[in-house]
Amino acid sequence: DKKIYYLVFTKLGKSRYLSHLELMRLFQRAFRRAGLPLAFSGGYHPLPKFSFYSALPVGLESLCESLRVELIQPVSPSAAVKDINAQLSDGIQITHMEQIPDAERKTVSESHYSITLSNGQITSELLAEFDQSAHFFIIPNGPKKRGKTDIKPFVHSLQQHSSHEISMILKHINGLPPSPTLIISQILHLDENGVEAIKVLKTRQIIG
C-alpha cells in the first residue's frame, strides 16, 4: 500500500539560487541515495511521485518550504529525515516529516515573509500610500512585460519594523502571488541597485 508523507524543509544560503527543476532533481537523488522506497508514475518515463506545495522564486530564502512524496511502504519519519538530510546540500535540510492521509490535498493559503533592505531605503510615506490605495498595479519583470497585476488582493498585511526591515503576508489566490521582491521594489520605487539590496526570507506558510 502506498504511503504519503508531508515534509518541511529549508532553502537557505547558496541553495536559494536553485531552480524548481534543480530542487526536484536534488530531492530525487537524495531519496534514492538514502534508500527510501519511492513510488513512481507509469508510462515510458516513470518519475518519482513528488509534488511541491508552492514554487519559491529563485533568489529567495525560506525556512518552511513543503513537499508531498509517495512511498511504496511506510518508513520511520525521524530515521528518514536523518538519512535524507545526510544526502542534501548545504542550506537544504528537512525540519519536519509526517505521514498524511492519501486523500489530503491541501494547498498553501498564505506565505509570510521578512524583507530587509541593506541600504535602508524603506520609505514610510510610500508604504502608507500603498496601504491607503484601493488598487496598486505592478508591471512584471523580464522580457514579457505585458499586462498589469493589481497586487492589493494579494497583500494581506505589510508592516514596517525599521528603516531596513518589513514583514509581509501574501495570500495565495488562484495560485502563486507575485514575487515579494517585485512587489516591494515597485511599492518603494526602487532602482536596480535598490532591488539588489533586497533580501527576502519566507518565515511561515499556512496550509489549508
N, C-alpha and C. Protein backbone atom coordinates (compact mmCIF):
# COMPACT_ATOMS: atom_id res chain seq x y z
N ASP A 1 0.84 -1.20 0.00
CA ASP A 1 0.00 0.00 0.00
C ASP A 1 0.88 1.25 0.00
N LYS A 2 0.49 2.23 -0.82
CA LYS A 2 1.26 3.47 -0.87
C LYS A 2 1.07 4.29 0.40
N LYS A 3 2.09 5.03 0.76
CA LYS A 3 2.08 5.88 1.93
C LYS A 3 2.49 7.29 1.51
N ILE A 4 1.75 8.28 1.97
CA ILE A 4 2.00 9.67 1.61
C ILE A 4 2.63 10.39 2.80
N TYR A 5 3.69 11.16 2.51
CA TYR A 5 4.38 11.90 3.56
C TYR A 5 4.47 13.38 3.20
N TYR A 6 4.32 14.19 4.25
CA TYR A 6 4.44 15.65 4.13
C TYR A 6 5.75 16.06 4.79
N LEU A 7 6.56 16.84 4.05
CA LEU A 7 7.86 17.27 4.55
C LEU A 7 7.98 18.79 4.52
N VAL A 8 8.66 19.35 5.51
CA VAL A 8 9.00 20.77 5.54
C VAL A 8 10.52 20.87 5.49
N PHE A 9 11.04 21.78 4.64
CA PHE A 9 12.48 21.90 4.52
C PHE A 9 12.90 23.35 4.34
N THR A 10 14.17 23.62 4.63
CA THR A 10 14.73 24.96 4.46
C THR A 10 15.35 25.11 3.08
N LYS A 11 15.48 26.35 2.65
CA LYS A 11 16.20 26.67 1.41
C LYS A 11 16.97 27.97 1.68
N LEU A 12 18.21 27.81 2.14
CA LEU A 12 18.98 28.94 2.64
C LEU A 12 20.34 29.04 1.95
N GLY A 13 20.97 30.19 2.08
CA GLY A 13 22.31 30.37 1.53
C GLY A 13 22.33 30.24 0.02
N LYS A 14 23.38 29.59 -0.50
CA LYS A 14 23.54 29.46 -1.94
C LYS A 14 22.43 28.62 -2.58
N SER A 15 21.77 27.78 -1.79
CA SER A 15 20.70 26.94 -2.35
C SER A 15 19.51 27.78 -2.83
N ARG A 16 19.44 29.04 -2.43
CA ARG A 16 18.32 29.89 -2.87
C ARG A 16 18.36 30.13 -4.38
N TYR A 17 19.52 29.88 -5.00
CA TYR A 17 19.63 30.08 -6.44
C TYR A 17 19.25 28.84 -7.25
N LEU A 18 18.88 27.75 -6.58
CA LEU A 18 18.43 26.55 -7.29
C LEU A 18 17.06 26.79 -7.90
N SER A 19 16.89 26.36 -9.14
CA SER A 19 15.58 26.47 -9.79
C SER A 19 14.66 25.38 -9.25
N HIS A 20 13.39 25.47 -9.58
CA HIS A 20 12.42 24.47 -9.14
C HIS A 20 12.80 23.09 -9.67
N LEU A 21 13.23 23.02 -10.92
CA LEU A 21 13.62 21.74 -11.52
C LEU A 21 14.88 21.18 -10.85
N GLU A 22 15.85 22.04 -10.57
CA GLU A 22 17.07 21.60 -9.90
C GLU A 22 16.77 21.09 -8.49
N LEU A 23 15.84 21.75 -7.81
CA LEU A 23 15.45 21.32 -6.47
C LEU A 23 14.78 19.95 -6.52
N MET A 24 13.92 19.74 -7.51
CA MET A 24 13.26 18.46 -7.68
C MET A 24 14.29 17.34 -7.89
N ARG A 25 15.26 17.59 -8.76
CA ARG A 25 16.29 16.58 -9.02
C ARG A 25 17.14 16.30 -7.78
N LEU A 26 17.41 17.36 -7.01
CA LEU A 26 18.19 17.21 -5.79
C LEU A 26 17.49 16.27 -4.82
N PHE A 27 16.19 16.47 -4.63
CA PHE A 27 15.44 15.61 -3.72
C PHE A 27 15.32 14.19 -4.24
N GLN A 28 15.14 14.03 -5.54
CA GLN A 28 15.06 12.69 -6.11
C GLN A 28 16.35 11.91 -5.84
N ARG A 29 17.49 12.55 -6.06
CA ARG A 29 18.77 11.88 -5.80
C ARG A 29 18.93 11.56 -4.31
N ALA A 30 18.57 12.52 -3.45
CA ALA A 30 18.72 12.32 -2.01
C ALA A 30 17.88 11.15 -1.52
N PHE A 31 16.64 11.06 -2.00
CA PHE A 31 15.77 9.95 -1.58
C PHE A 31 16.33 8.61 -2.05
N ARG A 32 16.81 8.58 -3.29
CA ARG A 32 17.36 7.32 -3.81
C ARG A 32 18.61 6.90 -3.03
N ARG A 33 19.51 7.86 -2.78
CA ARG A 33 20.75 7.53 -2.07
C ARG A 33 20.47 7.16 -0.61
N ALA A 34 19.39 7.68 -0.04
CA ALA A 34 19.02 7.33 1.33
C ALA A 34 18.32 5.97 1.39
N GLY A 35 18.04 5.39 0.21
CA GLY A 35 17.44 4.06 0.16
C GLY A 35 15.96 4.02 0.48
N LEU A 36 15.26 5.14 0.28
CA LEU A 36 13.83 5.18 0.59
C LEU A 36 13.02 4.60 -0.57
N PRO A 37 11.94 3.88 -0.26
CA PRO A 37 11.15 3.17 -1.29
C PRO A 37 10.19 4.09 -2.03
N LEU A 38 10.69 4.85 -2.98
CA LEU A 38 9.87 5.80 -3.72
C LEU A 38 8.84 5.09 -4.60
N ALA A 39 7.69 5.71 -4.72
CA ALA A 39 6.68 5.27 -5.70
C ALA A 39 6.92 6.05 -6.99
N PHE A 40 6.69 5.40 -8.13
CA PHE A 40 6.93 6.02 -9.42
C PHE A 40 5.67 6.07 -10.26
N SER A 41 5.60 7.05 -11.14
CA SER A 41 4.50 7.16 -12.08
C SER A 41 4.64 6.09 -13.15
N GLY A 42 3.59 5.87 -13.93
CA GLY A 42 3.63 4.90 -15.01
C GLY A 42 4.15 5.53 -16.30
N GLY A 43 4.02 4.80 -17.41
CA GLY A 43 4.41 5.34 -18.71
C GLY A 43 5.85 5.00 -19.07
N TYR A 44 6.30 5.59 -20.21
CA TYR A 44 7.64 5.30 -20.72
C TYR A 44 8.74 5.95 -19.90
N HIS A 45 8.43 7.05 -19.22
CA HIS A 45 9.43 7.76 -18.43
C HIS A 45 8.92 7.93 -16.99
N PRO A 46 8.92 6.85 -16.21
CA PRO A 46 8.41 6.94 -14.84
C PRO A 46 9.23 7.89 -13.99
N LEU A 47 8.54 8.68 -13.19
CA LEU A 47 9.19 9.66 -12.31
C LEU A 47 8.72 9.45 -10.88
N PRO A 48 9.58 9.76 -9.90
CA PRO A 48 9.15 9.68 -8.50
C PRO A 48 7.95 10.59 -8.26
N LYS A 49 7.07 10.16 -7.39
CA LYS A 49 5.85 10.92 -7.13
C LYS A 49 6.11 11.98 -6.06
N PHE A 50 6.70 13.10 -6.50
CA PHE A 50 6.94 14.28 -5.68
C PHE A 50 5.99 15.39 -6.10
N SER A 51 5.58 16.22 -5.17
CA SER A 51 4.89 17.46 -5.54
C SER A 51 5.17 18.51 -4.48
N PHE A 52 5.64 19.68 -4.94
CA PHE A 52 5.90 20.79 -4.03
C PHE A 52 4.60 21.59 -3.84
N TYR A 53 4.39 22.09 -2.63
CA TYR A 53 3.17 22.83 -2.34
C TYR A 53 3.18 24.21 -3.00
N SER A 54 4.35 24.78 -3.20
CA SER A 54 4.45 26.06 -3.91
C SER A 54 5.87 26.18 -4.46
N ALA A 55 6.03 27.03 -5.46
CA ALA A 55 7.34 27.23 -6.07
C ALA A 55 7.92 28.55 -5.57
N LEU A 56 9.02 28.48 -4.84
CA LEU A 56 9.66 29.67 -4.32
C LEU A 56 10.47 30.34 -5.43
N PRO A 57 10.28 31.64 -5.66
CA PRO A 57 11.08 32.32 -6.69
C PRO A 57 12.57 32.17 -6.45
N VAL A 58 13.33 32.00 -7.51
CA VAL A 58 14.78 31.85 -7.40
C VAL A 58 15.38 33.10 -6.74
N GLY A 59 16.29 32.90 -5.79
CA GLY A 59 16.93 34.00 -5.11
C GLY A 59 16.35 34.30 -3.74
N LEU A 60 15.20 33.71 -3.42
CA LEU A 60 14.58 33.91 -2.12
C LEU A 60 14.95 32.76 -1.19
N GLU A 61 15.08 33.06 0.11
CA GLU A 61 15.36 32.04 1.11
C GLU A 61 14.07 31.68 1.84
N SER A 62 14.08 30.49 2.44
CA SER A 62 12.88 30.04 3.14
C SER A 62 13.24 29.11 4.29
N LEU A 63 12.46 29.24 5.36
CA LEU A 63 12.56 28.32 6.50
C LEU A 63 11.51 27.23 6.43
N CYS A 64 10.61 27.30 5.44
CA CYS A 64 9.41 26.47 5.53
C CYS A 64 8.84 26.06 4.18
N GLU A 65 9.67 25.58 3.26
CA GLU A 65 9.13 25.01 2.03
C GLU A 65 8.54 23.64 2.33
N SER A 66 7.62 23.18 1.49
CA SER A 66 6.95 21.92 1.79
C SER A 66 6.83 21.04 0.56
N LEU A 67 6.79 19.74 0.82
CA LEU A 67 6.86 18.74 -0.23
C LEU A 67 5.97 17.57 0.15
N ARG A 68 5.29 17.01 -0.85
CA ARG A 68 4.48 15.80 -0.68
C ARG A 68 5.12 14.69 -1.48
N VAL A 69 5.36 13.55 -0.85
CA VAL A 69 6.03 12.45 -1.54
C VAL A 69 5.29 11.14 -1.26
N GLU A 70 5.27 10.27 -2.26
CA GLU A 70 4.60 8.98 -2.12
C GLU A 70 5.64 7.86 -2.06
N LEU A 71 5.54 7.00 -1.05
CA LEU A 71 6.41 5.85 -0.90
C LEU A 71 5.59 4.58 -1.03
N ILE A 72 6.26 3.47 -1.34
CA ILE A 72 5.52 2.22 -1.54
C ILE A 72 5.40 1.41 -0.25
N GLN A 73 6.05 1.88 0.81
CA GLN A 73 5.90 1.23 2.10
C GLN A 73 6.21 2.24 3.20
N PRO A 74 5.72 2.04 4.40
CA PRO A 74 5.92 3.02 5.47
C PRO A 74 7.37 3.07 5.93
N VAL A 75 7.77 4.24 6.43
CA VAL A 75 9.11 4.44 6.99
C VAL A 75 8.98 5.19 8.30
N SER A 76 10.04 5.17 9.09
CA SER A 76 10.10 5.98 10.30
C SER A 76 10.47 7.41 9.91
N PRO A 77 9.60 8.40 10.15
CA PRO A 77 9.92 9.78 9.76
C PRO A 77 11.24 10.28 10.34
N SER A 78 11.49 10.02 11.61
CA SER A 78 12.71 10.53 12.23
C SER A 78 13.96 9.93 11.60
N ALA A 79 13.92 8.61 11.32
CA ALA A 79 15.07 7.96 10.69
C ALA A 79 15.22 8.43 9.25
N ALA A 80 14.09 8.60 8.55
CA ALA A 80 14.14 9.04 7.15
C ALA A 80 14.72 10.45 7.04
N VAL A 81 14.33 11.33 7.95
CA VAL A 81 14.85 12.71 7.93
C VAL A 81 16.36 12.71 8.09
N LYS A 82 16.86 11.91 9.01
CA LYS A 82 18.31 11.83 9.23
C LYS A 82 19.03 11.33 7.98
N ASP A 83 18.47 10.28 7.35
CA ASP A 83 19.12 9.70 6.17
C ASP A 83 19.06 10.64 4.96
N ILE A 84 17.93 11.32 4.77
CA ILE A 84 17.79 12.23 3.63
C ILE A 84 18.69 13.45 3.80
N ASN A 85 18.69 14.02 5.01
CA ASN A 85 19.49 15.23 5.26
C ASN A 85 20.98 14.99 5.02
N ALA A 86 21.42 13.75 5.24
CA ALA A 86 22.83 13.42 5.02
C ALA A 86 23.18 13.49 3.54
N GLN A 87 22.17 13.44 2.67
CA GLN A 87 22.39 13.46 1.22
C GLN A 87 22.13 14.83 0.59
N LEU A 88 21.57 15.75 1.34
CA LEU A 88 21.19 17.05 0.79
C LEU A 88 22.34 18.05 0.90
N SER A 89 22.29 19.06 0.04
CA SER A 89 23.33 20.08 0.02
C SER A 89 23.13 21.09 1.15
N ASP A 90 24.18 21.89 1.39
CA ASP A 90 24.12 22.91 2.44
C ASP A 90 22.96 23.87 2.18
N GLY A 91 22.25 24.22 3.23
CA GLY A 91 21.14 25.16 3.11
C GLY A 91 19.81 24.49 2.92
N ILE A 92 19.79 23.24 2.48
CA ILE A 92 18.54 22.50 2.33
C ILE A 92 18.54 21.36 3.33
N GLN A 93 17.68 21.46 4.31
CA GLN A 93 17.55 20.43 5.33
C GLN A 93 16.08 20.24 5.68
N ILE A 94 15.68 19.00 5.84
CA ILE A 94 14.30 18.70 6.24
C ILE A 94 14.17 18.95 7.74
N THR A 95 13.15 19.70 8.13
CA THR A 95 12.92 20.01 9.55
C THR A 95 11.72 19.28 10.11
N HIS A 96 10.89 18.71 9.23
CA HIS A 96 9.69 18.01 9.71
C HIS A 96 9.23 17.01 8.65
N MET A 97 8.76 15.84 9.11
CA MET A 97 8.21 14.83 8.20
C MET A 97 7.12 14.07 8.94
N GLU A 98 5.99 13.90 8.29
CA GLU A 98 4.89 13.13 8.89
C GLU A 98 4.07 12.45 7.81
N GLN A 99 3.47 11.33 8.18
CA GLN A 99 2.59 10.64 7.24
C GLN A 99 1.23 11.31 7.26
N ILE A 100 0.62 11.47 6.08
CA ILE A 100 -0.69 12.10 5.98
C ILE A 100 -1.63 11.20 5.18
N PRO A 101 -2.95 11.40 5.33
CA PRO A 101 -3.90 10.58 4.56
C PRO A 101 -3.72 10.78 3.06
N ASP A 102 -3.95 9.73 2.30
CA ASP A 102 -3.78 9.80 0.85
C ASP A 102 -4.71 10.84 0.23
N ALA A 103 -5.90 11.00 0.79
CA ALA A 103 -6.88 11.91 0.21
C ALA A 103 -6.61 13.38 0.55
N GLU A 104 -5.65 13.64 1.43
CA GLU A 104 -5.40 15.02 1.86
C GLU A 104 -4.70 15.80 0.75
N ARG A 105 -5.39 16.79 0.21
CA ARG A 105 -4.85 17.58 -0.91
C ARG A 105 -4.91 19.07 -0.58
N LYS A 106 -4.24 19.45 0.48
CA LYS A 106 -4.27 20.85 0.91
C LYS A 106 -3.31 21.69 0.07
N THR A 107 -3.54 22.99 0.08
CA THR A 107 -2.70 23.93 -0.66
C THR A 107 -2.28 25.08 0.25
N VAL A 108 -1.28 25.83 -0.18
CA VAL A 108 -0.81 26.98 0.59
C VAL A 108 -1.80 28.12 0.44
N SER A 109 -2.24 28.68 1.55
CA SER A 109 -3.19 29.80 1.51
C SER A 109 -2.52 31.14 1.82
N GLU A 110 -1.42 31.10 2.59
CA GLU A 110 -0.69 32.33 2.93
C GLU A 110 0.81 32.04 3.03
N SER A 111 1.61 33.04 2.66
CA SER A 111 3.06 32.98 2.86
C SER A 111 3.49 34.23 3.62
N HIS A 112 4.31 34.03 4.66
CA HIS A 112 4.78 35.14 5.49
C HIS A 112 6.26 35.38 5.20
N TYR A 113 6.63 36.65 5.05
CA TYR A 113 7.99 36.99 4.67
C TYR A 113 8.59 38.05 5.59
N SER A 114 9.90 37.94 5.80
CA SER A 114 10.69 39.01 6.41
C SER A 114 11.57 39.58 5.30
N ILE A 115 11.48 40.88 5.08
CA ILE A 115 12.17 41.53 3.98
C ILE A 115 13.09 42.61 4.53
N THR A 116 14.36 42.54 4.14
CA THR A 116 15.32 43.56 4.58
C THR A 116 15.96 44.24 3.37
N LEU A 117 16.25 45.52 3.53
CA LEU A 117 16.97 46.29 2.52
C LEU A 117 18.26 46.78 3.15
N SER A 118 19.38 46.30 2.63
CA SER A 118 20.66 46.62 3.24
C SER A 118 20.99 48.11 3.15
N ASN A 119 20.37 48.82 2.20
CA ASN A 119 20.65 50.25 2.07
C ASN A 119 19.65 51.12 2.83
N GLY A 120 18.72 50.50 3.53
CA GLY A 120 17.79 51.25 4.38
C GLY A 120 16.89 52.20 3.63
N GLN A 121 16.40 51.78 2.45
CA GLN A 121 15.58 52.67 1.63
C GLN A 121 14.07 52.45 1.81
N ILE A 122 13.65 52.03 2.97
CA ILE A 122 12.22 51.84 3.21
C ILE A 122 11.60 53.18 3.61
N THR A 123 10.73 53.68 2.77
CA THR A 123 10.11 54.99 2.98
C THR A 123 8.70 54.81 3.54
N SER A 124 8.48 55.31 4.74
CA SER A 124 7.18 55.14 5.41
C SER A 124 6.04 55.74 4.59
N GLU A 125 6.31 56.89 3.95
CA GLU A 125 5.26 57.56 3.18
C GLU A 125 4.78 56.70 2.01
N LEU A 126 5.70 55.98 1.37
CA LEU A 126 5.32 55.12 0.24
C LEU A 126 4.53 53.91 0.71
N LEU A 127 4.89 53.37 1.87
CA LEU A 127 4.12 52.25 2.43
C LEU A 127 2.71 52.71 2.81
N ALA A 128 2.61 53.91 3.37
CA ALA A 128 1.30 54.44 3.74
C ALA A 128 0.46 54.70 2.49
N GLU A 129 1.11 55.18 1.44
CA GLU A 129 0.41 55.42 0.17
C GLU A 129 -0.15 54.12 -0.39
N PHE A 130 0.64 53.06 -0.30
CA PHE A 130 0.16 51.75 -0.76
C PHE A 130 -1.01 51.27 0.10
N ASP A 131 -0.87 51.41 1.40
CA ASP A 131 -1.90 50.94 2.33
C ASP A 131 -3.23 51.64 2.10
N GLN A 132 -3.19 52.91 1.75
CA GLN A 132 -4.41 53.71 1.58
C GLN A 132 -5.03 53.58 0.19
N SER A 133 -4.29 52.98 -0.74
CA SER A 133 -4.79 52.89 -2.11
C SER A 133 -5.80 51.75 -2.26
N ALA A 134 -6.76 51.95 -3.14
CA ALA A 134 -7.75 50.90 -3.41
C ALA A 134 -7.18 49.85 -4.35
N HIS A 135 -6.30 50.26 -5.25
CA HIS A 135 -5.65 49.36 -6.21
C HIS A 135 -4.18 49.76 -6.33
N PHE A 136 -3.35 48.78 -6.64
CA PHE A 136 -1.94 49.07 -6.89
C PHE A 136 -1.46 48.11 -7.97
N PHE A 137 -1.24 48.64 -9.16
CA PHE A 137 -0.87 47.80 -10.29
C PHE A 137 0.64 47.76 -10.46
N ILE A 138 1.16 46.56 -10.70
CA ILE A 138 2.59 46.40 -10.95
C ILE A 138 2.79 45.81 -12.34
N ILE A 139 3.97 46.06 -12.89
CA ILE A 139 4.32 45.55 -14.21
C ILE A 139 5.34 44.44 -14.03
N PRO A 140 5.10 43.25 -14.59
CA PRO A 140 6.04 42.14 -14.41
C PRO A 140 7.42 42.45 -14.96
N ASN A 141 8.43 41.80 -14.38
CA ASN A 141 9.80 41.91 -14.89
C ASN A 141 10.01 40.95 -16.05
N GLY A 142 11.19 41.01 -16.67
CA GLY A 142 11.53 40.05 -17.72
C GLY A 142 11.15 40.54 -19.09
N PRO A 143 11.39 39.68 -20.10
CA PRO A 143 11.14 40.08 -21.49
C PRO A 143 9.67 40.27 -21.83
N LYS A 144 8.78 39.59 -21.09
CA LYS A 144 7.35 39.69 -21.37
C LYS A 144 6.70 40.68 -20.41
N LYS A 145 7.00 41.93 -20.57
CA LYS A 145 6.45 42.97 -19.69
C LYS A 145 5.09 43.43 -20.20
N ARG A 146 4.20 42.48 -20.33
CA ARG A 146 2.87 42.80 -20.85
C ARG A 146 1.82 42.59 -19.75
N GLY A 147 0.88 43.50 -19.72
CA GLY A 147 -0.19 43.38 -18.74
C GLY A 147 0.22 43.90 -17.37
N LYS A 148 -0.76 44.24 -16.58
CA LYS A 148 -0.53 44.72 -15.23
C LYS A 148 -1.29 43.84 -14.25
N THR A 149 -0.80 43.77 -13.01
CA THR A 149 -1.44 42.98 -11.97
C THR A 149 -1.74 43.87 -10.78
N ASP A 150 -2.97 43.83 -10.30
CA ASP A 150 -3.35 44.55 -9.09
C ASP A 150 -2.95 43.68 -7.90
N ILE A 151 -1.97 44.14 -7.13
CA ILE A 151 -1.47 43.31 -6.03
C ILE A 151 -2.22 43.53 -4.71
N LYS A 152 -3.13 44.47 -4.67
CA LYS A 152 -3.84 44.73 -3.42
C LYS A 152 -4.56 43.50 -2.88
N PRO A 153 -5.21 42.67 -3.74
CA PRO A 153 -5.87 41.47 -3.20
C PRO A 153 -4.91 40.46 -2.60
N PHE A 154 -3.64 40.48 -3.04
CA PHE A 154 -2.66 39.50 -2.57
C PHE A 154 -2.02 39.90 -1.24
N VAL A 155 -1.87 41.20 -1.00
CA VAL A 155 -1.14 41.66 0.19
C VAL A 155 -2.08 41.74 1.38
N HIS A 156 -1.98 40.75 2.24
CA HIS A 156 -2.83 40.70 3.44
C HIS A 156 -2.38 41.72 4.48
N SER A 157 -1.06 41.85 4.63
CA SER A 157 -0.53 42.86 5.56
C SER A 157 0.88 43.23 5.16
N LEU A 158 1.26 44.46 5.51
CA LEU A 158 2.59 44.99 5.22
C LEU A 158 2.96 45.89 6.38
N GLN A 159 3.97 45.49 7.14
CA GLN A 159 4.31 46.22 8.36
C GLN A 159 5.78 46.57 8.40
N GLN A 160 6.07 47.84 8.65
CA GLN A 160 7.45 48.29 8.74
C GLN A 160 7.95 48.17 10.18
N HIS A 161 9.15 47.61 10.35
CA HIS A 161 9.74 47.44 11.68
C HIS A 161 10.91 48.40 11.90
N SER A 162 11.57 48.81 10.82
CA SER A 162 12.68 49.76 10.92
C SER A 162 12.92 50.34 9.54
N SER A 163 13.99 51.12 9.40
CA SER A 163 14.29 51.72 8.09
C SER A 163 14.77 50.68 7.09
N HIS A 164 15.04 49.46 7.55
CA HIS A 164 15.53 48.43 6.64
C HIS A 164 14.81 47.10 6.75
N GLU A 165 13.71 47.03 7.52
CA GLU A 165 13.02 45.74 7.68
C GLU A 165 11.51 45.88 7.59
N ILE A 166 10.91 44.97 6.83
CA ILE A 166 9.46 44.91 6.64
C ILE A 166 9.02 43.45 6.80
N SER A 167 7.84 43.25 7.34
CA SER A 167 7.21 41.93 7.29
C SER A 167 5.99 42.02 6.38
N MET A 168 5.77 40.98 5.60
CA MET A 168 4.67 40.99 4.64
C MET A 168 4.01 39.62 4.60
N ILE A 169 2.69 39.62 4.54
CA ILE A 169 1.92 38.39 4.38
C ILE A 169 1.20 38.45 3.05
N LEU A 170 1.44 37.45 2.20
CA LEU A 170 0.80 37.38 0.90
C LEU A 170 -0.21 36.24 0.88
N LYS A 171 -1.38 36.51 0.34
CA LYS A 171 -2.40 35.48 0.16
C LYS A 171 -2.22 34.81 -1.20
N HIS A 172 -2.43 33.50 -1.24
CA HIS A 172 -2.37 32.76 -2.50
C HIS A 172 -3.79 32.70 -3.07
N ILE A 173 -3.99 33.42 -4.17
CA ILE A 173 -5.30 33.49 -4.81
C ILE A 173 -5.18 32.89 -6.20
N ASN A 174 -5.82 31.76 -6.42
CA ASN A 174 -5.73 31.08 -7.72
C ASN A 174 -4.28 30.83 -8.13
N GLY A 175 -3.51 30.30 -7.17
CA GLY A 175 -2.11 30.01 -7.45
C GLY A 175 -1.17 30.94 -6.71
N LEU A 176 0.04 31.09 -7.25
CA LEU A 176 1.07 31.87 -6.59
C LEU A 176 0.81 33.37 -6.70
N PRO A 177 1.10 34.12 -5.63
CA PRO A 177 1.07 35.59 -5.74
C PRO A 177 2.31 36.07 -6.47
N PRO A 178 2.35 37.34 -6.87
CA PRO A 178 3.58 37.88 -7.48
C PRO A 178 4.76 37.77 -6.51
N SER A 179 5.97 37.85 -7.03
CA SER A 179 7.18 37.75 -6.21
C SER A 179 7.23 38.87 -5.17
N PRO A 180 7.57 38.55 -3.92
CA PRO A 180 7.72 39.60 -2.90
C PRO A 180 8.73 40.66 -3.29
N THR A 181 9.81 40.26 -3.96
CA THR A 181 10.83 41.22 -4.41
C THR A 181 10.23 42.22 -5.39
N LEU A 182 9.44 41.72 -6.34
CA LEU A 182 8.80 42.59 -7.32
C LEU A 182 7.82 43.54 -6.64
N ILE A 183 7.04 43.02 -5.71
CA ILE A 183 6.05 43.84 -5.01
C ILE A 183 6.72 44.99 -4.26
N ILE A 184 7.72 44.64 -3.45
CA ILE A 184 8.39 45.66 -2.63
C ILE A 184 9.13 46.67 -3.50
N SER A 185 9.79 46.20 -4.55
CA SER A 185 10.57 47.12 -5.40
C SER A 185 9.68 48.15 -6.06
N GLN A 186 8.45 47.77 -6.42
CA GLN A 186 7.57 48.72 -7.10
C GLN A 186 6.81 49.60 -6.11
N ILE A 187 6.51 49.07 -4.94
CA ILE A 187 5.88 49.92 -3.91
C ILE A 187 6.85 51.03 -3.49
N LEU A 188 8.14 50.69 -3.37
CA LEU A 188 9.14 51.65 -2.89
C LEU A 188 9.85 52.38 -4.03
N HIS A 189 9.45 52.12 -5.29
CA HIS A 189 10.03 52.78 -6.46
C HIS A 189 11.56 52.61 -6.48
N LEU A 190 12.03 51.40 -6.30
CA LEU A 190 13.47 51.16 -6.22
C LEU A 190 14.09 51.03 -7.61
N ASP A 191 15.32 51.54 -7.73
CA ASP A 191 16.06 51.34 -8.97
C ASP A 191 16.78 49.99 -8.91
N GLU A 192 17.61 49.71 -9.89
CA GLU A 192 18.27 48.40 -9.97
C GLU A 192 19.14 48.12 -8.75
N ASN A 193 19.86 49.15 -8.28
CA ASN A 193 20.69 48.97 -7.09
C ASN A 193 19.84 48.69 -5.85
N GLY A 194 18.69 49.35 -5.78
CA GLY A 194 17.78 49.13 -4.66
C GLY A 194 17.22 47.72 -4.66
N VAL A 195 16.91 47.22 -5.84
CA VAL A 195 16.38 45.85 -5.96
C VAL A 195 17.42 44.84 -5.51
N GLU A 196 18.67 45.07 -5.88
CA GLU A 196 19.75 44.16 -5.50
C GLU A 196 19.98 44.15 -3.99
N ALA A 197 19.54 45.20 -3.30
CA ALA A 197 19.73 45.29 -1.85
C ALA A 197 18.64 44.55 -1.08
N ILE A 198 17.62 44.05 -1.79
CA ILE A 198 16.51 43.37 -1.13
C ILE A 198 16.89 41.93 -0.79
N LYS A 199 16.62 41.53 0.44
CA LYS A 199 16.79 40.14 0.86
C LYS A 199 15.47 39.66 1.44
N VAL A 200 14.98 38.53 0.91
CA VAL A 200 13.66 38.02 1.30
C VAL A 200 13.82 36.65 1.95
N LEU A 201 13.19 36.47 3.12
CA LEU A 201 13.17 35.19 3.83
C LEU A 201 11.72 34.82 4.12
N LYS A 202 11.29 33.68 3.61
CA LYS A 202 9.95 33.18 3.97
C LYS A 202 10.06 32.54 5.35
N THR A 203 9.26 33.02 6.29
CA THR A 203 9.33 32.56 7.67
C THR A 203 8.22 31.60 8.05
N ARG A 204 7.13 31.61 7.29
CA ARG A 204 5.99 30.77 7.64
C ARG A 204 5.08 30.62 6.45
N GLN A 205 4.38 29.50 6.35
CA GLN A 205 3.33 29.36 5.36
C GLN A 205 2.14 28.65 5.99
N ILE A 206 0.96 29.06 5.58
CA ILE A 206 -0.28 28.49 6.09
C ILE A 206 -0.84 27.55 5.05
N ILE A 207 -1.09 26.32 5.41
CA ILE A 207 -1.63 25.32 4.50
C ILE A 207 -3.02 24.93 4.98
N GLY A 208 -3.97 24.97 4.07
CA GLY A 208 -5.34 24.63 4.48
C GLY A 208 -6.19 24.27 3.29
